[in-house]
Structure formats: C-alpha cells, structure tokens
C-alpha atoms as a PDB file:
ATOM      1  CA  MET A   1       0.000   0.000   0.000  1.00  0.00           C
ATOM      2  CA  SER A   2       1.498   3.310  -1.089  1.00  0.00           C
ATOM      3  CA  GLU A   3       1.871   6.205   1.315  1.00  0.00           C
ATOM      4  CA  PRO A   4      -0.574   9.122   1.130  1.00  0.00           C
ATOM      5  CA  THR A   5       0.560  11.961  -1.112  1.00  0.00           C
ATOM      6  CA  GLY A   6       3.170  14.081   0.615  1.00  0.00           C
ATOM      7  CA  ALA A   7       3.641  11.768   3.619  1.00  0.00           C
ATOM      8  CA  ALA A   8       7.164  10.719   2.617  1.00  0.00           C
ATOM      9  CA  ARG A   9       8.216  14.379   2.674  1.00  0.00           C
ATOM     10  CA  ARG A  10       7.196  14.724   6.319  1.00  0.00           C
ATOM     11  CA  ARG A  11       9.386  12.062   7.963  1.00  0.00           C
ATOM     12  CA  GLY A  12      12.835  10.483   7.950  1.00  0.00           C
ATOM     13  CA  PRO A  13      16.278  12.073   7.499  1.00  0.00           C
ATOM     14  CA  PHE A  14      16.609  15.243   5.464  1.00  0.00           C
ATOM     15  CA  LYS A  15      17.100  14.624   1.753  1.00  0.00           C
ATOM     16  CA  VAL A  16      17.659  16.675  -1.393  1.00  0.00           C
ATOM     17  CA  GLY A  17      14.500  18.624  -2.295  1.00  0.00           C
ATOM     18  CA  ASP A  18      13.203  18.800   1.274  1.00  0.00           C
ATOM     19  CA  GLN A  19      12.211  22.144   2.715  1.00  0.00           C
ATOM     20  CA  VAL A  20      14.062  23.059   5.908  1.00  0.00           C
ATOM     21  CA  GLN A  21      13.082  25.647   8.479  1.00  0.00           C
ATOM     22  CA  LEU A  22      15.954  27.045  10.520  1.00  0.00           C
ATOM     23  CA  THR A  23      15.309  28.744  13.858  1.00  0.00           C
ATOM     24  CA  ASP A  24      17.961  31.114  15.180  1.00  0.00           C
ATOM     25  CA  PRO A  25      18.648  31.884  18.877  1.00  0.00           C
ATOM     26  CA  LYS A  26      16.116  34.751  18.756  1.00  0.00           C
ATOM     27  CA  GLY A  27      13.349  32.527  17.396  1.00  0.00           C
ATOM     28  CA  ARG A  28      13.451  33.868  13.843  1.00  0.00           C
ATOM     29  CA  HIS A  29      12.707  31.441  11.022  1.00  0.00           C
ATOM     30  CA  TYR A  30      14.504  30.923   7.700  1.00  0.00           C
ATOM     31  CA  THR A  31      13.109  28.482   5.119  1.00  0.00           C
ATOM     32  CA  PHE A  32      14.993  27.031   2.141  1.00  0.00           C
ATOM     33  CA  THR A  33      15.134  23.912  -0.053  1.00  0.00           C
ATOM     34  CA  LEU A  34      18.025  21.482   0.299  1.00  0.00           C
ATOM     35  CA  GLU A  35      20.308  21.218  -2.738  1.00  0.00           C
ATOM     36  CA  ALA A  36      23.508  19.213  -2.899  1.00  0.00           C
ATOM     37  CA  GLY A  37      26.623  21.367  -3.072  1.00  0.00           C
ATOM     38  CA  LYS A  38      24.846  24.604  -2.129  1.00  0.00           C
ATOM     39  CA  ASN A  39      25.487  26.840   0.908  1.00  0.00           C
ATOM     40  CA  PHE A  40      23.033  28.632   3.157  1.00  0.00           C
ATOM     41  CA  HIS A  41      24.113  32.215   3.883  1.00  0.00           C
ATOM     42  CA  THR A  42      23.066  34.588   6.638  1.00  0.00           C
ATOM     43  CA  HIS A  43      24.609  37.729   8.120  1.00  0.00           C
ATOM     44  CA  LYS A  44      25.860  35.374  10.876  1.00  0.00           C
ATOM     45  CA  GLY A  45      27.847  33.187   8.508  1.00  0.00           C
ATOM     46  CA  SER A  46      27.086  30.196   6.307  1.00  0.00           C
ATOM     47  CA  PHE A  47      27.059  26.401   6.246  1.00  0.00           C
ATOM     48  CA  PRO A  48      26.807  23.789   3.451  1.00  0.00           C
ATOM     49  CA  HIS A  49      23.473  22.119   2.661  1.00  0.00           C
ATOM     50  CA  ASP A  50      25.367  18.816   2.599  1.00  0.00           C
ATOM     51  CA  GLU A  51      25.741  19.109   6.363  1.00  0.00           C
ATOM     52  CA  LEU A  52      21.981  18.569   6.722  1.00  0.00           C
ATOM     53  CA  ILE A  53      21.414  16.076   3.891  1.00  0.00           C
ATOM     54  CA  GLY A  54      21.069  12.682   5.581  1.00  0.00           C
ATOM     55  CA  ALA A  55      20.856  14.213   9.067  1.00  0.00           C
ATOM     56  CA  PRO A  56      17.800  13.551  11.274  1.00  0.00           C
ATOM     57  CA  GLU A  57      15.159  16.197  11.689  1.00  0.00           C
ATOM     58  CA  GLY A  58      15.759  18.238  14.822  1.00  0.00           C
ATOM     59  CA  SER A  59      19.491  18.566  14.177  1.00  0.00           C
ATOM     60  CA  VAL A  60      21.496  21.669  15.089  1.00  0.00           C
ATOM     61  CA  VAL A  61      23.931  23.210  12.624  1.00  0.00           C
ATOM     62  CA  ARG A  62      26.475  25.959  13.209  1.00  0.00           C
ATOM     63  CA  THR A  63      27.455  28.636  10.750  1.00  0.00           C
ATOM     64  CA  THR A  64      30.976  29.844  10.091  1.00  0.00           C
ATOM     65  CA  GLY A  65      30.145  32.590  12.593  1.00  0.00           C
ATOM     66  CA  ASN A  66      29.538  29.903  15.274  1.00  0.00           C
ATOM     67  CA  VAL A  67      25.790  30.637  15.506  1.00  0.00           C
ATOM     68  CA  ALA A  68      23.597  27.591  16.169  1.00  0.00           C
ATOM     69  CA  TYR A  69      20.413  26.996  14.135  1.00  0.00           C
ATOM     70  CA  LEU A  70      17.782  24.346  14.851  1.00  0.00           C
ATOM     71  CA  ALA A  71      16.756  22.527  11.653  1.00  0.00           C
ATOM     72  CA  LEU A  72      13.222  21.146  11.284  1.00  0.00           C
ATOM     73  CA  ARG A  73      10.793  20.622   8.440  1.00  0.00           C
ATOM     74  CA  PRO A  74       8.281  23.482   8.343  1.00  0.00           C
ATOM     75  CA  LEU A  75       4.802  22.606   9.555  1.00  0.00           C
ATOM     76  CA  LEU A  76       1.932  23.389   7.222  1.00  0.00           C
ATOM     77  CA  PRO A  77       1.038  26.542   9.256  1.00  0.00           C
ATOM     78  CA  ASP A  78       4.658  27.690   8.839  1.00  0.00           C
ATOM     79  CA  TYR A  79       4.617  26.876   5.130  1.00  0.00           C
ATOM     80  CA  VAL A  80       1.472  28.824   4.250  1.00  0.00           C
ATOM     81  CA  LEU A  81       2.711  31.922   6.079  1.00  0.00           C
ATOM     82  CA  SER A  82       5.992  31.958   4.158  1.00  0.00           C
ATOM     83  CA  MET A  83       4.918  30.773   0.697  1.00  0.00           C
ATOM     84  CA  PRO A  84       4.675  33.149  -2.309  1.00  0.00           C
ATOM     85  CA  ARG A  85       1.380  35.028  -2.388  1.00  0.00           C
ATOM     86  CA  GLY A  86      -0.906  36.301  -5.082  1.00  0.00           C
ATOM     87  CA  ALA A  87      -3.838  36.983  -2.787  1.00  0.00           C
ATOM     88  CA  ALA A  88      -4.030  37.057   1.000  1.00  0.00           C
ATOM     89  CA  VAL A  89      -3.854  33.625   2.604  1.00  0.00           C
ATOM     90  CA  VAL A  90      -6.353  31.994   4.949  1.00  0.00           C
ATOM     91  CA  TYR A  91      -4.460  32.098   8.235  1.00  0.00           C
ATOM     92  CA  PRO A  92      -3.835  28.826  10.098  1.00  0.00           C
ATOM     93  CA  LYS A  93      -6.125  29.846  12.965  1.00  0.00           C
ATOM     94  CA  ASP A  94      -9.027  30.159  10.527  1.00  0.00           C
ATOM     95  CA  ALA A  95      -8.065  27.099   8.466  1.00  0.00           C
ATOM     96  CA  GLY A  96      -8.113  25.022  11.657  1.00  0.00           C
ATOM     97  CA  GLN A  97     -11.589  26.312  12.497  1.00  0.00           C
ATOM     98  CA  ILE A  98     -12.795  25.484   8.989  1.00  0.00           C
ATOM     99  CA  LEU A  99     -11.443  21.929   9.174  1.00  0.00           C
ATOM    100  CA  ALA A 100     -13.135  21.415  12.556  1.00  0.00           C
ATOM    101  CA  PHE A 101     -16.481  23.162  12.194  1.00  0.00           C
ATOM    102  CA  ALA A 102     -17.023  22.337   8.522  1.00  0.00           C
ATOM    103  CA  ASP A 103     -16.242  18.755   9.604  1.00  0.00           C
ATOM    104  CA  ILE A 104     -13.769  17.982   6.815  1.00  0.00           C
ATOM    105  CA  PHE A 105     -13.218  14.215   6.851  1.00  0.00           C
ATOM    106  CA  PRO A 106     -11.069  11.713   4.898  1.00  0.00           C
ATOM    107  CA  GLY A 107     -12.701  10.952   1.558  1.00  0.00           C
ATOM    108  CA  ALA A 108     -14.968  14.021   1.636  1.00  0.00           C
ATOM    109  CA  ARG A 109     -16.137  15.624  -1.588  1.00  0.00           C
ATOM    110  CA  VAL A 110     -15.411  19.327  -1.164  1.00  0.00           C
ATOM    111  CA  VAL A 111     -15.941  22.364  -3.384  1.00  0.00           C
ATOM    112  CA  GLU A 112     -13.912  25.508  -2.694  1.00  0.00           C
ATOM    113  CA  ALA A 113     -14.342  28.937  -4.290  1.00  0.00           C
ATOM    114  CA  GLY A 114     -11.664  31.603  -3.953  1.00  0.00           C
ATOM    115  CA  VAL A 115      -8.356  29.710  -4.012  1.00  0.00           C
ATOM    116  CA  GLY A 116      -6.158  32.761  -3.469  1.00  0.00           C
ATOM    117  CA  SER A 117      -2.599  31.529  -2.881  1.00  0.00           C
ATOM    118  CA  GLY A 118      -3.528  27.914  -2.089  1.00  0.00           C
ATOM    119  CA  SER A 119      -3.321  28.066   1.713  1.00  0.00           C
ATOM    120  CA  LEU A 120      -6.744  26.604   2.492  1.00  0.00           C
ATOM    121  CA  SER A 121      -6.487  24.202  -0.454  1.00  0.00           C
ATOM    122  CA  SER A 122      -3.400  22.658   1.155  1.00  0.00           C
ATOM    123  CA  PHE A 123      -5.166  22.198   4.493  1.00  0.00           C
ATOM    124  CA  LEU A 124      -8.254  20.725   2.804  1.00  0.00           C
ATOM    125  CA  LEU A 125      -6.258  18.298   0.639  1.00  0.00           C
ATOM    126  CA  ARG A 126      -4.332  16.996   3.624  1.00  0.00           C
ATOM    127  CA  ALA A 127      -7.617  16.433   5.497  1.00  0.00           C
ATOM    128  CA  ILE A 128      -9.568  14.682   2.729  1.00  0.00           C
ATOM    129  CA  GLY A 129      -6.629  12.509   1.615  1.00  0.00           C
ATOM    130  CA  ASP A 130      -6.042  10.862  -1.749  1.00  0.00           C
ATOM    131  CA  GLN A 131      -9.503   9.255  -1.825  1.00  0.00           C
ATOM    132  CA  GLY A 132     -11.394  12.511  -1.406  1.00  0.00           C
ATOM    133  CA  MET A 133     -12.207  15.201  -3.960  1.00  0.00           C
ATOM    134  CA  LEU A 134     -11.431  18.907  -3.811  1.00  0.00           C
ATOM    135  CA  HIS A 135     -12.669  20.991  -6.724  1.00  0.00           C
ATOM    136  CA  SER A 136     -11.361  24.536  -6.383  1.00  0.00           C
ATOM    137  CA  TYR A 137     -12.611  27.507  -8.375  1.00  0.00           C
ATOM    138  CA  GLU A 138     -10.590  30.701  -8.838  1.00  0.00           C
ATOM    139  CA  ARG A 139     -11.682  33.511 -11.135  1.00  0.00           C
ATOM    140  CA  ARG A 140      -8.157  34.937 -11.609  1.00  0.00           C
ATOM    141  CA  GLU A 141      -5.733  32.843 -13.635  1.00  0.00           C
ATOM    142  CA  ASP A 142      -2.645  34.471 -12.073  1.00  0.00           C
ATOM    143  CA  PHE A 143      -3.860  33.553  -8.576  1.00  0.00           C
ATOM    144  CA  ALA A 144      -4.636  30.006  -9.767  1.00  0.00           C
ATOM    145  CA  ASP A 145      -1.098  29.615 -11.128  1.00  0.00           C
ATOM    146  CA  ILE A 146       0.460  30.730  -7.830  1.00  0.00           C
ATOM    147  CA  ALA A 147      -1.869  28.450  -5.838  1.00  0.00           C
ATOM    148  CA  ARG A 148      -1.017  25.462  -8.039  1.00  0.00           C
ATOM    149  CA  GLN A 149       2.708  26.031  -7.581  1.00  0.00           C
ATOM    150  CA  ASN A 150       2.352  26.398  -3.795  1.00  0.00           C
ATOM    151  CA  VAL A 151       0.222  23.279  -3.401  1.00  0.00           C
ATOM    152  CA  GLU A 152       2.474  21.157  -5.607  1.00  0.00           C
ATOM    153  CA  ARG A 153       5.574  22.418  -3.801  1.00  0.00           C
ATOM    154  CA  TYR A 154       4.107  21.355  -0.466  1.00  0.00           C
ATOM    155  CA  PHE A 155       2.959  17.891  -1.586  1.00  0.00           C
ATOM    156  CA  GLY A 156       5.941  17.250  -3.863  1.00  0.00           C
ATOM    157  CA  GLY A 157       3.834  17.205  -7.044  1.00  0.00           C
ATOM    158  CA  PRO A 158       0.214  17.234  -8.243  1.00  0.00           C
ATOM    159  CA  HIS A 159      -2.302  15.972  -5.674  1.00  0.00           C
ATOM    160  CA  PRO A 160      -4.581  13.202  -7.056  1.00  0.00           C
ATOM    161  CA  ALA A 161      -7.654  14.566  -5.243  1.00  0.00           C
ATOM    162  CA  TRP A 162      -7.358  18.137  -6.551  1.00  0.00           C
ATOM    163  CA  GLN A 163      -9.020  19.756  -9.528  1.00  0.00           C
ATOM    164  CA  LEU A 164      -8.518  23.491 -10.130  1.00  0.00           C
ATOM    165  CA  THR A 165     -10.845  25.421 -12.446  1.00  0.00           C
ATOM    166  CA  VAL A 166     -10.315  29.027 -13.527  1.00  0.00           C
ATOM    167  CA  GLY A 167     -13.688  30.793 -13.573  1.00  0.00           C
ATOM    168  CA  ASP A 168     -16.638  31.778 -11.414  1.00  0.00           C
ATOM    169  CA  LEU A 169     -18.163  28.989  -9.342  1.00  0.00           C
ATOM    170  CA  GLN A 170     -21.746  30.038 -10.064  1.00  0.00           C
ATOM    171  CA  ASP A 171     -21.094  29.786 -13.818  1.00  0.00           C
ATOM    172  CA  ASN A 172     -19.006  26.597 -13.850  1.00  0.00           C
ATOM    173  CA  LEU A 173     -20.161  24.396 -10.960  1.00  0.00           C
ATOM    174  CA  SER A 174     -21.083  20.969 -12.285  1.00  0.00           C
ATOM    175  CA  ASP A 175     -20.276  18.845  -9.216  1.00  0.00           C
ATOM    176  CA  THR A 176     -23.093  16.953  -7.526  1.00  0.00           C
ATOM    177  CA  ASP A 177     -23.414  15.066  -4.236  1.00  0.00           C
ATOM    178  CA  VAL A 178     -20.934  17.445  -2.605  1.00  0.00           C
ATOM    179  CA  ASP A 179     -20.367  17.000   1.141  1.00  0.00           C
ATOM    180  CA  ARG A 180     -18.885  20.427   1.942  1.00  0.00           C
ATOM    181  CA  VAL A 181     -18.672  23.822   0.231  1.00  0.00           C
ATOM    182  CA  ILE A 182     -16.157  26.470   1.357  1.00  0.00           C
ATOM    183  CA  LEU A 183     -16.635  30.010   0.007  1.00  0.00           C
ATOM    184  CA  ASP A 184     -13.760  32.456   0.525  1.00  0.00           C
ATOM    185  CA  MET A 185     -14.833  35.338  -1.678  1.00  0.00           C
ATOM    186  CA  LEU A 186     -16.189  38.873  -1.730  1.00  0.00           C
ATOM    187  CA  ALA A 187     -19.809  37.965  -2.497  1.00  0.00           C
ATOM    188  CA  PRO A 188     -20.631  34.414  -1.343  1.00  0.00           C
ATOM    189  CA  TRP A 189     -24.374  35.168  -1.603  1.00  0.00           C
ATOM    190  CA  GLU A 190     -24.013  35.078  -5.392  1.00  0.00           C
ATOM    191  CA  CYS A 191     -23.177  31.352  -5.200  1.00  0.00           C
ATOM    192  CA  LEU A 192     -25.890  30.195  -2.792  1.00  0.00           C
ATOM    193  CA  GLU A 193     -28.330  28.967  -5.424  1.00  0.00           C
ATOM    194  CA  ALA A 194     -25.641  26.966  -7.216  1.00  0.00           C
ATOM    195  CA  VAL A 195     -24.138  25.391  -4.099  1.00  0.00           C
ATOM    196  CA  SER A 196     -27.557  24.560  -2.631  1.00  0.00           C
ATOM    197  CA  LYS A 197     -28.154  22.331  -5.658  1.00  0.00           C
ATOM    198  CA  ALA A 198     -24.737  20.669  -5.341  1.00  0.00           C
ATOM    199  CA  LEU A 199     -24.768  19.960  -1.588  1.00  0.00           C
ATOM    200  CA  VAL A 200     -26.171  16.711  -0.236  1.00  0.00           C
ATOM    201  CA  PRO A 201     -28.810  16.927   2.535  1.00  0.00           C
ATOM    202  CA  GLY A 202     -26.904  17.520   5.760  1.00  0.00           C
ATOM    203  CA  GLY A 203     -23.937  18.924   3.845  1.00  0.00           C
ATOM    204  CA  ILE A 204     -22.176  21.962   5.268  1.00  0.00           C
ATOM    205  CA  LEU A 205     -21.733  25.388   3.744  1.00  0.00           C
ATOM    206  CA  CYS A 206     -18.858  27.391   5.258  1.00  0.00           C
ATOM    207  CA  CYS A 207     -18.226  31.027   4.306  1.00  0.00           C
ATOM    208  CA  TYR A 208     -15.189  33.137   5.137  1.00  0.00           C
ATOM    209  CA  VAL A 209     -15.721  36.904   4.852  1.00  0.00           C
ATOM    210  CA  ALA A 210     -13.747  39.909   6.001  1.00  0.00           C
ATOM    211  CA  THR A 211     -16.290  42.584   6.971  1.00  0.00           C
ATOM    212  CA  THR A 212     -19.453  42.903   9.033  1.00  0.00           C
ATOM    213  CA  THR A 213     -21.453  44.080   6.011  1.00  0.00           C
ATOM    214  CA  GLN A 214     -20.444  40.950   4.072  1.00  0.00           C
ATOM    215  CA  LEU A 215     -21.291  38.820   7.082  1.00  0.00           C
ATOM    216  CA  ALA A 216     -24.728  40.389   7.510  1.00  0.00           C
ATOM    217  CA  ARG A 217     -25.663  40.046   3.866  1.00  0.00           C
ATOM    218  CA  THR A 218     -24.446  36.458   3.675  1.00  0.00           C
ATOM    219  CA  VAL A 219     -26.454  35.415   6.741  1.00  0.00           C
ATOM    220  CA  GLU A 220     -29.618  37.170   5.541  1.00  0.00           C
ATOM    221  CA  SER A 221     -29.237  35.609   2.081  1.00  0.00           C
ATOM    222  CA  ILE A 222     -28.858  32.132   3.581  1.00  0.00           C
ATOM    223  CA  ARG A 223     -32.040  32.703   5.574  1.00  0.00           C
ATOM    224  CA  GLU A 224     -33.826  34.002   2.496  1.00  0.00           C
ATOM    225  CA  ILE A 225     -32.940  31.078   0.228  1.00  0.00           C
ATOM    226  CA  GLY A 226     -34.740  28.786   2.692  1.00  0.00           C
ATOM    227  CA  CYS A 227     -32.905  25.471   2.244  1.00  0.00           C
ATOM    228  CA  PHE A 228     -30.394  25.793   5.090  1.00  0.00           C
ATOM    229  CA  ASN A 229     -30.725  25.713   8.849  1.00  0.00           C
ATOM    230  CA  GLU A 230     -30.014  28.824  10.925  1.00  0.00           C
ATOM    231  CA  PRO A 231     -26.379  29.850  10.223  1.00  0.00           C
ATOM    232  CA  THR A 232     -23.802  30.206  12.978  1.00  0.00           C
ATOM    233  CA  ALA A 233     -21.189  32.987  12.761  1.00  0.00           C
ATOM    234  CA  TRP A 234     -18.025  33.647  14.776  1.00  0.00           C
ATOM    235  CA  GLU A 235     -14.433  34.891  14.681  1.00  0.00           C
ATOM    236  CA  THR A 236     -11.291  33.631  16.396  1.00  0.00           C
ATOM    237  CA  MET A 237      -8.374  35.432  17.974  1.00  0.00           C
ATOM    238  CA  ILE A 238      -5.088  34.043  19.275  1.00  0.00           C
ATOM    239  CA  ARG A 239      -3.000  35.444  22.101  1.00  0.00           C
ATOM    240  CA  ASN A 240       0.318  33.818  22.938  1.00  0.00           C
ATOM    241  CA  TRP A 241       1.789  33.845  26.428  1.00  0.00           C
ATOM    242  CA  HIS A 242       5.244  34.816  27.616  1.00  0.00           C
ATOM    243  CA  ILE A 243       6.597  32.280  30.113  1.00  0.00           C
ATOM    244  CA  GLU A 244       9.983  32.976  31.684  1.00  0.00           C
ATOM    245  CA  GLY A 245      10.432  31.803  35.262  1.00  0.00           C
ATOM    246  CA  LEU A 246       7.921  33.683  37.415  1.00  0.00           C
ATOM    247  CA  ALA A 247       7.147  36.117  34.592  1.00  0.00           C
ATOM    248  CA  VAL A 248       4.026  34.486  33.160  1.00  0.00           C
ATOM    249  CA  ARG A 249       1.880  36.970  31.250  1.00  0.00           C
ATOM    250  CA  PRO A 250       0.102  37.392  27.914  1.00  0.00           C
ATOM    251  CA  ASP A 251       2.162  38.696  25.024  1.00  0.00           C
ATOM    252  CA  HIS A 252       1.715  42.351  24.157  1.00  0.00           C
ATOM    253  CA  ARG A 253       0.736  41.426  20.601  1.00  0.00           C
ATOM    254  CA  MET A 254      -1.944  39.031  19.409  1.00  0.00           C
ATOM    255  CA  ILE A 255      -3.435  37.739  16.167  1.00  0.00           C
ATOM    256  CA  GLY A 256      -6.737  39.570  16.161  1.00  0.00           C
ATOM    257  CA  HIS A 257      -9.411  39.857  13.503  1.00  0.00           C
ATOM    258  CA  THR A 258      -8.645  38.251  10.154  1.00  0.00           C
ATOM    259  CA  GLY A 259     -12.153  37.313   9.060  1.00  0.00           C
ATOM    260  CA  PHE A 260     -15.564  35.991  10.035  1.00  0.00           C
ATOM    261  CA  LEU A 261     -16.604  32.375   9.600  1.00  0.00           C
ATOM    262  CA  LEU A 262     -20.144  31.105   9.293  1.00  0.00           C
ATOM    263  CA  THR A 263     -21.597  27.664   8.730  1.00  0.00           C
ATOM    264  CA  ALA A 264     -25.030  26.363   7.764  1.00  0.00           C
ATOM    265  CA  ARG A 265     -26.314  22.884   6.924  1.00  0.00           C
ATOM    266  CA  ARG A 266     -28.313  21.890   3.858  1.00  0.00           C
ATOM    267  CA  LEU A 267     -31.845  20.743   4.604  1.00  0.00           C
ATOM    268  CA  ALA A 268     -33.590  17.895   2.797  1.00  0.00           C
ATOM    269  CA  ASP A 269     -35.415  18.876  -0.376  1.00  0.00           C
ATOM    270  CA  GLY A 270     -38.874  20.286   0.259  1.00  0.00           C
ATOM    271  CA  VAL A 271     -38.225  20.907   3.962  1.00  0.00           C
ATOM    272  CA  GLU A 272     -38.731  24.378   5.394  1.00  0.00           C
ATOM    273  CA  PRO A 273     -36.383  25.519   8.171  1.00  0.00           C
ATOM    274  CA  PRO A 274     -38.020  25.644  11.619  1.00  0.00           C
ATOM    275  CA  MET A 275     -39.267  29.055  12.714  1.00  0.00           C
ATOM    276  CA  ARG A 276     -36.660  31.058  14.570  1.00  0.00           C
ATOM    277  CA  ARG A 277     -37.781  31.818  18.119  1.00  0.00           C
ATOM    278  CA  ARG A 278     -35.026  34.249  18.986  1.00  0.00           C
ATOM    279  CA  ARG A 279     -36.345  37.785  19.238  1.00  0.00           C
ATOM    280  CA  PRO A 280     -34.206  40.399  17.465  1.00  0.00           C
ATOM    281  CA  ALA A 281     -33.163  43.551  19.252  1.00  0.00           C
ATOM    282  CA  LYS A 282     -35.382  46.608  18.844  1.00  0.00           C
ATOM    283  CA  GLY A 283     -34.457  48.419  15.673  1.00  0.00           C
ATOM    284  CA  ALA A 284     -32.706  45.432  14.118  1.00  0.00           C
ATOM    285  CA  TYR A 285     -35.258  45.505  11.312  1.00  0.00           C
ATOM    286  CA  GLY A 286     -36.483  49.066  10.823  1.00  0.00           C
ATOM    287  CA  GLU A 287     -39.558  50.036   8.843  1.00  0.00           C
ATOM    288  CA  ASP A 288     -37.388  50.815   5.824  1.00  0.00           C
ATOM    289  CA  TYR A 289     -35.525  47.446   5.902  1.00  0.00           C
ATOM    290  CA  ALA A 290     -35.990  45.823   2.469  1.00  0.00           C
ATOM    291  CA  GLY A 291     -34.008  42.606   2.799  1.00  0.00           C
ATOM    292  CA  PRO A 292     -30.383  41.628   2.194  1.00  0.00           C
ATOM    293  CA  ASN A 293     -30.390  42.188  -1.561  1.00  0.00           C
ATOM    294  CA  ALA A 294     -31.913  45.662  -1.675  1.00  0.00           C
ATOM    295  CA  ASP A 295     -29.947  48.810  -2.410  1.00  0.00           C
ATOM    296  CA  GLY A 296     -26.782  47.039  -3.514  1.00  0.00           C
ATOM    297  CA  GLY A 297     -26.741  44.756  -0.487  1.00  0.00           C
ATOM    298  CA  THR A 298     -26.939  47.356   2.275  1.00  0.00           C
ATOM    299  CA  GLY A 299     -30.436  46.215   3.190  1.00  0.00           C
ATOM    300  CA  ARG A 300     -31.470  49.828   3.796  1.00  0.00           C
END
C-alpha cells in the first residue's frame, strides 16, 4: 500500500529537495530547499546544505560565525505563512476552524471557491486525503497559477484529489453530491443557489468573509434562500503567552481579527427551516428594511 501523497516528505532524514526551516537563537525562522553542493548564507555566517542532507530532523547546525540553528521541516502553518502570495492567505487559525467546524473528513467531496494563494487548499487536501475530492474555483488565472505552484511544492507534485478550475463557481459548478462547500470570496451570496443544488442533505456550507457588512448580507441571504438551517457565525483570535520563570503573562501582541466564519447545513429537499424563536433587538429591522439584496446589499 502506497503512502498518502506528501507523507514521505514529512518524515525520515533530510534529503535533497526537502524544505528546511531554521530557527535562530532569537526565534526567527529561515526556510529554504536542500540542494547538494549549495550553501546557506546569513549575516551570521554560512554552512553547506550537505551538512543537513542525511541528518535527522531536529538537528542543530552551526554557521561559520559559530551561531547555532535548529533545523526542522516546516509545519503546514509555517509553510502557508511563508509561501509566495498572489492573494491574502487563509491564516492557520481560521483554516483550523474550517477543518473542525465544517467537519472535513477523509474521503470528503469538497468544493472551494476563492483559491487565493492555495493556503486553504493545502489544508483541505491533507484532510480529505487521496480518496477525497477537492474541486477549487478561482476567477483569476494568475492567482490560480500561484496556488497550483504552492500546493504542488508542499505535496511534492500534483495531488490526485485536486481539480482546479479558472472561472466563477456560479457559472461553472457541475459537481453533484458534494459533502462540503467552502466560500472564501467577496460575495458568497451570489453562489448560494448553485451550491444549494450541489450539496447533499446535511452537507455543510462554510463562508469566510472579512467585513461585518459581508457577514450580515451572507447570513440574511442564507435565511432568504430557505434550504439551510439557521447559520452560525463567529471569529477567532489568538494570544500567545510569555513564560519565563515567574514572569508568566500574555504577550503584548496578538493575532486579532482576520475574518468571520459562518456555517449552515443543507436541509432535505422540500423541507422548510423551523421558525426562529429568537427575538431580534429593537431596531434590528427598521420600517425601511428591504431585505439583504436591496440597495446594492446594504439592506437599507
């Protein structure tokens, strides 16, 4: 039985073609690809790549300036933050939430719109495995090219479960019996009719948007289309902690808002969503409120 795509690149001694992440004494990272006969240079000196080729992961190398660097393979969160970008990447904190709350499982059939630089595609492909299906749609060909290069660099070549289409999802979607749909785009409400036909009953729609106005319109549009349950929306923030002896405190900087996530589940055909019992705040729907699609999406 062959190993899953990319697994061989994640274990064993370092070999030619592997990516290596060096960490210096101040915690700074440097990523490069091992090539026989080449040297790695920093302002603290250099060392030959051959010194790492064949060495176990977790080795320490010293430069000609006698500075020690810890050598490890970059984790996927490290990789997506350092890879070449066309568009902004989905940050690891949000990708992890998508994998968990969109319930991405091995063998899942997933449709993704808005590939960007291939960050989320890499996370999704690793989760669904070789037996799954990820069909990604990207309207910009230059972004698609960058994403393809980044994904293939991470997995060591084309992934058998990945199909990448250049074009708008709502105009090109032909997939059926889809388990999960992930929309990372400016106007996910434009795709709701198409994805509602592709999703299986119980399938999950997950949207990633940047602003409150996008979030509001997406939620109202999901409610209006009538074939999903009540959507859930949230954001995540990460705060690291400084731990040094008795000095245990939160870091002064944190990873704050990057985007909003929302999920909703496809209902069976012909089923109406149960009536919402939650009472909205006074003024939430004023007399002049005309729905999510009025006045260019402002709803006012």
